[in-house]
Amino acid sequence: MIISRLILKNWKNFQHVEVDLNYRTFIVGANASGKSNLLDAILFIRDLVKQPGGGLQYAVGSVRGGVSKIRCLAARKDPEVSIEVHLSESPGEDVEWKYRVGFKHAGGGIVKHQAKITSEEVWHKNKLILQRKASDKGEDPEKLLY
């Protein structure tokens, strides 16, 4: 499996960006154009799954210093940061899996770097198999922190 597409919303210097990836992708650009920020989005996904029991707080707070350090400065009206990853068997093939997570700042005081999931979706071959929203009445608010 390869990451065949990356979609970012309000991630660091990107208000919205969609990048198609291949087996080998070269990222070239001027200084301060977002090359490292693009790579950090991929590392963020790794950090999410690396921690046992859920790594949202680790990926946002411990590694990156909180949502305020991640969220695009131009994102004043829309505080949600989101990352969507598409996985394919190989380049040019249909998307096998899609994962999207959206989150925003939820902390204050002693937990100032805390983030809260606003939405999470998992798709397998264009079929939605998991969907979580912060607005769901049955959702445990504590689960939205991991």
Protein backbone atom coordinates (compact mmCIF):
# COMPACT_ATOMS: atom_id res chain seq x y z
CA MET A 1 0.00 0.00 0.00
CA ILE A 2 1.10 3.53 -0.74
CA ILE A 3 -0.24 6.93 0.21
CA SER A 4 -1.67 7.98 -3.14
CA ARG A 5 -3.27 11.28 -2.11
CA LEU A 6 -3.01 13.72 0.77
CA ILE A 7 -5.62 16.41 1.43
CA LEU A 8 -4.94 19.05 4.07
CA LYS A 9 -7.24 21.76 5.43
CA ASN A 10 -5.88 24.53 7.68
CA TRP A 11 -2.59 22.67 8.13
CA LYS A 12 0.19 25.11 8.99
CA ASN A 13 0.66 27.39 5.94
CA PHE A 14 -1.94 25.55 3.80
CA GLN A 15 -5.58 26.63 3.93
CA HIS A 16 -6.37 23.82 1.50
CA VAL A 17 -4.07 21.58 -0.51
CA GLU A 18 -4.49 18.31 -2.39
CA VAL A 19 -1.38 16.38 -3.39
CA ASP A 20 -1.26 13.23 -5.52
CA LEU A 21 1.66 11.01 -4.55
CA ASN A 22 3.47 8.23 -6.38
CA TYR A 23 6.08 5.60 -5.49
CA ARG A 24 8.62 8.37 -5.65
CA THR A 25 7.65 12.00 -5.22
CA PHE A 26 10.01 14.95 -5.22
CA ILE A 27 8.98 18.02 -3.25
CA VAL A 28 10.67 21.10 -4.61
CA GLY A 29 10.00 24.76 -3.85
CA ALA A 30 11.29 28.03 -2.53
CA ASN A 31 12.20 28.57 1.11
CA ALA A 32 9.14 28.84 3.38
CA SER A 33 6.81 27.44 0.71
CA GLY A 34 5.59 24.51 2.85
CA LYS A 35 7.78 21.54 1.92
CA SER A 36 8.49 20.60 5.54
CA ASN A 37 4.89 21.27 6.54
CA LEU A 38 3.69 18.84 3.88
CA LEU A 39 6.04 16.15 5.17
CA ASP A 40 4.99 16.91 8.75
CA ALA A 41 1.38 16.04 7.82
CA ILE A 42 2.52 12.53 6.89
CA LEU A 43 4.49 12.29 10.14
CA PHE A 44 1.38 13.45 12.00
CA ILE A 45 -0.57 10.45 10.68
CA ARG A 46 2.28 8.21 11.83
CA ASP A 47 2.21 9.81 15.29
CA LEU A 48 -1.56 9.27 15.52
CA VAL A 49 -1.24 5.52 15.14
CA LYS A 50 2.06 5.12 16.99
CA GLN A 51 0.71 5.66 20.50
CA PRO A 52 -1.16 2.78 22.16
CA GLY A 53 -4.78 3.71 22.90
CA GLY A 54 -4.82 6.71 20.57
CA GLY A 55 -2.23 9.29 19.79
CA LEU A 56 -4.13 12.52 19.08
CA GLN A 57 -2.88 14.33 22.19
CA TYR A 58 0.63 13.02 21.59
CA ALA A 59 0.66 14.06 17.92
CA VAL A 60 -0.85 17.49 18.56
CA GLY A 61 0.45 18.50 21.98
CA SER A 62 3.62 16.63 22.79
CA VAL A 63 5.19 16.65 19.34
CA ARG A 64 3.83 19.87 17.76
CA GLY A 65 3.01 22.17 20.69
CA GLY A 66 -0.77 22.31 20.31
CA VAL A 67 -3.40 23.12 17.72
CA SER A 68 -2.40 26.79 17.68
CA LYS A 69 1.01 25.78 16.28
CA ILE A 70 -0.60 23.59 13.60
CA ARG A 71 -3.64 25.58 12.46
CA CYS A 72 -3.23 27.90 9.48
CA LEU A 73 -3.12 31.56 10.52
CA ALA A 74 -5.59 32.39 7.74
CA ALA A 75 -8.15 29.99 9.29
CA ARG A 76 -9.87 32.47 11.56
CA LYS A 77 -13.49 31.56 10.72
CA ASP A 78 -12.96 27.80 10.49
CA PRO A 79 -10.97 26.45 13.44
CA GLU A 80 -10.98 22.81 12.27
CA VAL A 81 -7.76 21.26 11.02
CA SER A 82 -8.18 18.15 8.91
CA ILE A 83 -6.05 15.57 7.16
CA GLU A 84 -7.29 13.04 4.64
CA VAL A 85 -5.12 10.18 3.39
CA HIS A 86 -5.92 7.88 0.46
CA LEU A 87 -4.21 4.49 0.25
CA SER A 88 -3.88 2.46 -2.95
CA GLU A 89 -2.12 -0.77 -3.84
CA SER A 90 -0.03 1.10 -6.41
CA PRO A 91 -0.09 4.40 -8.33
CA GLY A 92 -2.97 4.80 -10.75
CA GLU A 93 -5.09 2.13 -9.07
CA ASP A 94 -8.39 2.78 -7.34
CA VAL A 95 -8.33 4.00 -3.75
CA GLU A 96 -8.54 1.04 -1.39
CA TRP A 97 -8.77 2.97 1.90
CA LYS A 98 -9.50 6.57 2.88
CA TYR A 99 -8.98 8.02 6.33
CA ARG A 100 -9.98 11.53 7.38
CA VAL A 101 -9.61 13.13 10.78
CA GLY A 102 -10.66 16.65 11.75
CA PHE A 103 -9.82 18.26 15.06
CA LYS A 104 -9.75 21.59 16.84
CA HIS A 105 -8.44 23.15 20.03
CA ALA A 106 -10.31 22.01 23.15
CA GLY A 107 -7.90 22.80 25.94
CA GLY A 108 -7.35 25.59 28.37
CA GLY A 109 -5.58 26.00 31.67
CA ILE A 110 -3.73 22.86 32.67
CA VAL A 111 -4.55 21.09 29.37
CA LYS A 112 -3.81 24.04 27.10
CA HIS A 113 -2.52 21.91 24.22
CA GLN A 114 -5.46 19.51 24.19
CA ALA A 115 -7.22 18.76 20.91
CA LYS A 116 -10.67 17.32 20.28
CA ILE A 117 -11.79 15.27 17.28
CA THR A 118 -14.55 17.03 15.38
CA SER A 119 -14.95 14.30 12.76
CA GLU A 120 -13.37 11.02 11.77
CA GLU A 121 -14.15 8.79 8.79
CA VAL A 122 -12.80 5.53 7.41
CA TRP A 123 -13.74 4.38 3.91
CA HIS A 124 -13.01 1.04 2.27
CA LYS A 125 -13.54 0.87 -1.50
CA ASN A 126 -15.97 3.83 -1.47
CA LYS A 127 -17.99 2.39 1.39
CA LEU A 128 -18.14 4.34 4.63
CA ILE A 129 -17.33 1.94 7.47
CA LEU A 130 -16.71 4.36 10.38
CA GLN A 131 -17.97 7.86 11.03
CA ARG A 132 -17.59 9.86 14.23
CA LYS A 133 -18.70 13.43 14.80
CA ALA A 134 -18.40 15.63 17.86
CA SER A 135 -22.07 16.54 17.40
CA ASP A 136 -23.29 12.93 17.76
CA LYS A 137 -25.38 12.73 20.93
CA GLY A 138 -24.34 9.14 21.68
CA GLU A 139 -20.60 9.84 21.36
CA ASP A 140 -18.64 9.79 24.61
CA PRO A 141 -16.86 13.19 24.83
CA GLU A 142 -13.78 11.55 26.35
CA LYS A 143 -13.36 9.32 23.29
CA LEU A 144 -13.06 12.42 21.10
CA LEU A 145 -9.78 13.24 22.82
CA TYR A 146 -7.99 10.11 21.48
